[in-house]
Amino acid sequence: MDYKKQHFTGERALFRIRGGQIEESRFDDGESPLKESRNFQVRHSTFGWKYPLWYSKRFKVEDCVFEEMGRAGIWYSRDFELDHCEYTAPKGLRKCRRFKVRNSHFPNAQETLWWNNDFELENIQALEAPYFCMGSKNVRIKHLELQGNYAFDGCRNVTIEDSHLLTKDAFWNAKNIVLKNCYVEGEYFGWNSENVTLIDCEIHSHQGFCYMKNIKLVNCKIIDTDLAFEYCQNIDAEITTPVDSIKNPISGRIVVPAVGELIRDDERLDQKATEIIYQ
């Protein structure tokens, strides 16, 4: 059954629908309108109240608005797409699997995209976004503009390309991270993470790259960065700009034009285990 220019109110207004299209309609004044639904599309519509798309499968939402009270909008759902959406509500998209979000704007991305698996983001702007994508796995991202600290904490298997990230304490406690052609600005980049590769990136980070294992930088600019690589193991870094200071790396190889200050004041470390090549 299809619905057009409808105003849905009350709890579970279209609970467990199977198939159909919803167009130019509004959901408000009632929780969980499309809970447990399957195989449907929503276009040019507005979600104005809580929990609209929980436990749903195989759906597409296009040119829609999630208003501020449409919070906790998509949880526990799978196999879906969002395209050209204005997602104003906080706490969106949690514990979902196999989905794509494209060409969408998240102006209030508080607690958004937590604990998801197997998803793609493309052409996304996320603002006011602390802990963006926390605890998520198997993620591919292109053209993300992000403003919000603590991004990607605890993530696994993430590839990000052509993106601009303003976020301190980013990529903490993470594993298997690849950034290509990205700009990252924020203090304390990457602490306690493993298997992190940056290719053609520009990083601005006070005390970045510390307590890491298997960190690789290829043709990267490291600007306004001091006390870098403290207690890092197995470094393989090719840096094209001078670094303000490097402190107590454990092991590896760092190729760099110049270092403002090389600090080696931990007697426990074997200084020969880390090679600094000025080039």
Protein backbone atom coordinates (compact mmCIF):
# COMPACT_ATOMS: atom_id res chain seq x y z
CA MET A 1 0.00 0.00 0.00
CA ASP A 2 1.25 3.49 -0.84
CA TYR A 3 0.74 6.67 1.18
CA LYS A 4 0.93 10.25 -0.11
CA LYS A 5 0.44 13.59 1.66
CA GLN A 6 -0.53 11.89 4.91
CA HIS A 7 -0.13 13.12 8.50
CA PHE A 8 0.60 10.18 10.81
CA THR A 9 0.18 10.57 14.56
CA GLY A 10 -0.04 8.21 17.49
CA GLU A 11 2.28 5.43 18.58
CA ARG A 12 3.32 2.86 15.93
CA ALA A 13 1.28 4.56 13.19
CA LEU A 14 2.54 2.20 10.44
CA PHE A 15 3.84 -0.64 12.58
CA ARG A 16 5.13 -3.67 10.65
CA ILE A 17 4.19 -2.50 7.16
CA ARG A 18 5.39 -4.72 4.33
CA GLY A 19 6.26 -2.88 1.15
CA GLY A 20 4.92 0.37 -0.25
CA GLN A 21 5.97 3.99 -0.70
CA ILE A 22 5.45 6.92 1.63
CA GLU A 23 5.67 10.36 0.01
CA GLU A 24 5.21 13.97 1.11
CA SER A 25 4.03 12.87 4.53
CA ARG A 26 4.71 13.74 8.14
CA PHE A 27 5.16 11.60 11.26
CA ASP A 28 4.80 13.26 14.67
CA ASP A 29 3.13 13.09 18.08
CA GLY A 30 3.72 9.36 18.36
CA GLU A 31 6.69 7.06 18.87
CA SER A 32 7.99 4.26 16.64
CA PRO A 33 5.82 4.85 13.54
CA LEU A 34 7.71 2.41 11.27
CA LYS A 35 9.03 -0.05 13.80
CA GLU A 36 9.58 -3.62 12.52
CA SER A 37 8.74 -2.62 8.93
CA ARG A 38 10.20 -4.13 5.75
CA ASN A 39 10.76 -3.35 2.05
CA PHE A 40 9.52 0.24 1.83
CA GLN A 41 10.58 3.71 0.68
CA VAL A 42 10.07 7.12 2.24
CA ARG A 43 10.49 10.26 0.10
CA HIS A 44 10.04 13.98 0.68
CA SER A 45 8.74 13.39 4.19
CA THR A 46 9.42 14.55 7.75
CA PHE A 47 10.05 12.61 10.94
CA GLY A 48 9.07 14.81 13.87
CA TRP A 49 9.01 12.37 16.77
CA LYS A 50 11.10 9.71 18.47
CA TYR A 51 12.26 6.26 17.33
CA PRO A 52 10.81 6.28 13.79
CA LEU A 53 12.86 3.44 12.26
CA TRP A 54 13.72 0.77 14.80
CA TYR A 55 14.23 -2.91 13.92
CA SER A 56 13.41 -2.23 10.27
CA LYS A 57 14.95 -3.84 7.19
CA ARG A 58 15.43 -3.19 3.49
CA PHE A 59 14.25 0.40 3.17
CA LYS A 60 15.31 3.68 1.56
CA VAL A 61 14.82 7.18 2.93
CA GLU A 62 15.34 9.97 0.39
CA ASP A 63 15.00 13.77 0.58
CA CYS A 64 13.65 13.57 4.11
CA VAL A 65 14.04 15.60 7.31
CA PHE A 66 14.61 14.22 10.80
CA GLU A 67 13.61 17.06 13.11
CA GLU A 68 15.17 17.56 16.53
CA MET A 69 12.48 15.52 18.29
CA GLY A 70 12.98 12.68 15.82
CA ARG A 71 15.80 11.58 18.08
CA ALA A 72 17.21 8.07 18.32
CA GLY A 73 15.81 7.74 14.83
CA ILE A 74 17.34 4.58 13.33
CA TRP A 75 18.43 1.87 15.74
CA TYR A 76 18.83 -1.90 15.32
CA SER A 77 17.99 -1.72 11.61
CA ARG A 78 19.80 -3.20 8.62
CA ASP A 79 20.12 -3.15 4.83
CA PHE A 80 19.00 0.42 4.19
CA GLU A 81 19.99 3.69 2.49
CA LEU A 82 19.68 7.38 3.36
CA ASP A 83 20.18 9.91 0.58
CA HIS A 84 19.86 13.71 0.59
CA CYS A 85 18.56 13.89 4.14
CA GLU A 86 18.63 16.70 6.68
CA TYR A 87 19.25 14.84 9.93
CA THR A 88 18.81 17.38 12.74
CA ALA A 89 17.97 14.88 15.47
CA PRO A 90 20.67 13.63 17.88
CA LYS A 91 21.49 10.00 18.66
CA GLY A 92 20.91 8.85 15.10
CA LEU A 93 21.90 5.49 13.61
CA ARG A 94 23.02 3.09 16.32
CA LYS A 95 23.66 -0.63 16.35
CA CYS A 96 22.72 -0.94 12.67
CA ARG A 97 24.26 -3.11 9.94
CA ARG A 98 24.84 -2.94 6.20
CA PHE A 99 23.75 0.57 5.26
CA LYS A 100 24.76 3.61 3.21
CA VAL A 101 24.33 7.30 3.95
CA ARG A 102 24.98 9.76 1.13
CA ASN A 103 24.70 13.49 0.46
CA SER A 104 23.33 14.26 3.90
CA HIS A 105 23.75 16.91 6.58
CA PHE A 106 23.94 16.25 10.33
CA PRO A 107 23.98 19.72 11.99
CA ASN A 108 23.53 18.27 15.49
CA ALA A 109 25.33 14.94 15.38
CA GLN A 110 25.40 14.34 19.14
CA GLU A 111 26.01 10.67 19.94
CA THR A 112 25.55 9.72 16.31
CA LEU A 113 26.59 6.59 14.39
CA TRP A 114 27.63 4.55 17.43
CA TRP A 115 28.32 0.80 17.41
CA ASN A 116 27.41 0.07 13.80
CA ASN A 117 28.85 -2.57 11.43
CA ASP A 118 29.45 -2.65 7.68
CA PHE A 119 28.45 0.77 6.42
CA GLU A 120 29.46 3.54 3.99
CA LEU A 121 29.30 7.32 4.24
CA GLU A 122 29.76 9.65 1.27
CA ASN A 123 29.40 13.42 1.00
CA ILE A 124 28.48 13.93 4.64
CA GLN A 125 28.69 17.00 6.87
CA ALA A 126 28.56 16.23 10.61
CA LEU A 127 28.69 19.12 13.09
CA GLU A 128 28.55 19.22 16.89
CA ALA A 129 29.58 15.57 16.72
CA PRO A 130 31.45 14.29 19.80
CA TYR A 131 32.45 10.62 19.63
CA PHE A 132 31.28 10.37 16.01
CA CYS A 133 31.15 6.72 14.85
CA MET A 134 32.31 5.40 18.23
CA GLY A 135 32.83 1.65 18.45
CA SER A 136 31.93 0.97 14.81
CA LYS A 137 33.45 -1.69 12.53
CA ASN A 138 34.02 -2.17 8.81
CA VAL A 139 33.51 1.41 7.69
CA ARG A 140 34.23 3.18 4.38
CA ILE A 141 34.01 6.97 4.21
CA LYS A 142 34.52 9.49 1.40
CA HIS A 143 34.15 13.26 1.55
CA LEU A 144 33.32 13.70 5.22
CA GLU A 145 33.40 17.14 6.83
CA LEU A 146 33.50 16.58 10.58
CA GLN A 147 33.52 18.92 13.57
CA GLY A 148 33.48 17.14 16.91
CA ASN A 149 36.02 15.73 19.34
CA TYR A 150 36.85 12.09 20.16
CA ALA A 151 35.86 10.79 16.72
CA PHE A 152 36.21 7.11 15.84
CA ASP A 153 37.07 5.99 19.37
CA GLY A 154 37.41 2.22 19.55
CA CYS A 155 36.71 1.67 15.84
CA ARG A 156 37.95 -1.26 13.75
CA ASN A 157 38.63 -1.57 10.02
CA VAL A 158 37.99 2.01 8.88
CA THR A 159 39.03 3.65 5.59
CA ILE A 160 38.53 7.40 5.14
CA GLU A 161 39.31 9.31 1.94
CA ASP A 162 39.27 12.96 0.85
CA SER A 163 37.94 14.23 4.18
CA HIS A 164 38.36 17.21 6.51
CA LEU A 165 38.29 16.33 10.22
CA LEU A 166 38.41 18.85 13.06
CA THR A 167 38.55 16.56 16.09
CA LYS A 168 40.87 16.21 19.06
CA ASP A 169 41.56 12.82 20.62
CA ALA A 170 40.61 11.22 17.30
CA PHE A 171 41.14 7.53 16.54
CA TRP A 172 41.90 6.49 20.11
CA ASN A 173 41.87 2.78 20.98
CA ALA A 174 41.31 1.95 17.30
CA LYS A 175 42.69 -0.77 15.01
CA ASN A 176 43.20 -1.11 11.27
CA ILE A 177 42.69 2.50 10.22
CA VAL A 178 43.56 3.96 6.79
CA LEU A 179 43.35 7.67 5.94
CA LYS A 180 44.00 8.86 2.38
CA ASN A 181 44.25 12.48 1.32
CA CYS A 182 42.73 13.75 4.57
CA TYR A 183 43.21 16.85 6.69
CA VAL A 184 43.05 16.25 10.45
CA GLU A 185 43.35 18.95 13.09
CA GLY A 186 43.17 18.16 16.80
CA GLU A 187 45.30 17.38 19.82
CA TYR A 188 46.43 13.87 20.80
CA PHE A 189 45.84 12.04 17.52
CA GLY A 190 45.68 8.26 17.65
CA TRP A 191 46.68 7.29 21.19
CA ASN A 192 46.60 3.59 22.07
CA SER A 193 45.82 2.54 18.50
CA GLU A 194 47.30 -0.15 16.25
CA ASN A 195 47.82 -0.62 12.51
CA VAL A 196 47.20 2.97 11.46
CA THR A 197 48.21 4.10 7.94
CA LEU A 198 48.10 7.68 6.65
CA ILE A 199 48.73 8.41 2.97
CA ASP A 200 49.04 11.94 1.54
CA CYS A 201 47.54 13.46 4.69
CA GLU A 202 48.06 16.69 6.61
CA ILE A 203 47.94 16.41 10.41
CA HIS A 204 48.00 19.20 13.01
CA SER A 205 48.20 17.67 16.48
CA HIS A 206 49.80 18.65 19.77
CA GLN A 207 51.30 15.49 21.24
CA GLY A 208 49.99 13.33 18.42
CA PHE A 209 50.92 9.75 17.54
CA CYS A 210 51.67 8.47 21.05
CA TYR A 211 51.40 4.99 22.56
CA MET A 212 50.74 3.48 19.14
CA LYS A 213 51.82 0.26 17.43
CA ASN A 214 52.45 -0.19 13.71
CA ILE A 215 51.98 3.40 12.58
CA LYS A 216 52.76 4.17 8.93
CA LEU A 217 52.90 7.61 7.30
CA VAL A 218 53.41 7.97 3.54
CA ASN A 219 54.10 11.42 2.09
CA CYS A 220 52.43 13.21 5.01
CA LYS A 221 52.64 16.76 6.34
CA ILE A 222 52.89 16.94 10.14
CA ILE A 223 52.39 20.57 11.13
CA ASP A 224 52.21 22.26 14.54
CA THR A 225 52.91 18.86 16.07
CA ASP A 226 55.13 18.45 19.11
CA LEU A 227 56.10 15.61 21.45
CA ALA A 228 55.20 13.21 18.67
CA PHE A 229 55.65 9.43 18.64
CA GLU A 230 56.11 9.06 22.39
CA TYR A 231 56.31 5.37 23.25
CA CYS A 232 55.35 4.35 19.70
CA GLN A 233 56.44 0.94 18.42
CA ASN A 234 57.23 -0.09 14.84
CA ILE A 235 57.04 3.35 13.24
CA ASP A 236 57.41 3.69 9.46
CA ALA A 237 57.04 7.40 8.75
CA GLU A 238 57.89 9.49 5.69
CA ILE A 239 57.18 13.09 6.67
CA THR A 240 57.59 15.99 4.23
CA THR A 241 57.53 18.88 6.74
CA PRO A 242 59.65 19.69 9.81
CA VAL A 243 58.26 18.36 13.10
CA ASP A 244 58.36 20.61 16.17
CA SER A 245 59.53 17.83 18.48
CA ILE A 246 59.76 14.05 18.77
CA LYS A 247 59.89 12.36 22.15
CA ASN A 248 60.99 8.86 23.18
CA PRO A 249 59.91 6.67 20.26
CA ILE A 250 60.40 2.98 21.02
CA SER A 251 61.23 1.57 17.59
CA GLY A 252 61.03 2.14 13.86
CA ARG A 253 62.12 4.58 11.17
CA ILE A 254 61.26 8.26 10.74
CA VAL A 255 62.25 10.16 7.60
CA VAL A 256 61.82 13.91 8.13
CA PRO A 257 63.35 17.17 6.82
CA ALA A 258 64.06 18.48 10.32
CA VAL A 259 63.09 18.10 13.97
CA GLY A 260 62.97 21.15 16.22
CA GLU A 261 63.82 19.07 19.29
CA LEU A 262 64.57 15.38 19.62
CA ILE A 263 63.89 14.34 23.22
CA ARG A 264 65.37 11.08 24.44
CA ASP A 265 65.25 11.13 28.23
CA ASP A 266 63.97 7.63 29.02
CA GLU A 267 66.98 5.51 29.88
CA ARG A 268 65.01 2.29 29.50
CA LEU A 269 64.71 2.72 25.73
CA ASP A 270 67.23 1.50 23.18
CA GLN A 271 67.87 4.61 21.12
CA LYS A 272 69.30 2.53 18.27
CA ALA A 273 65.91 0.85 17.81
CA THR A 274 64.55 4.03 16.22
CA GLU A 275 66.27 5.49 13.15
CA ILE A 276 65.80 9.21 12.46
CA ILE A 277 66.76 10.08 8.86
CA TYR A 278 67.01 13.76 7.95
CA GLN A 279 66.14 14.08 4.31
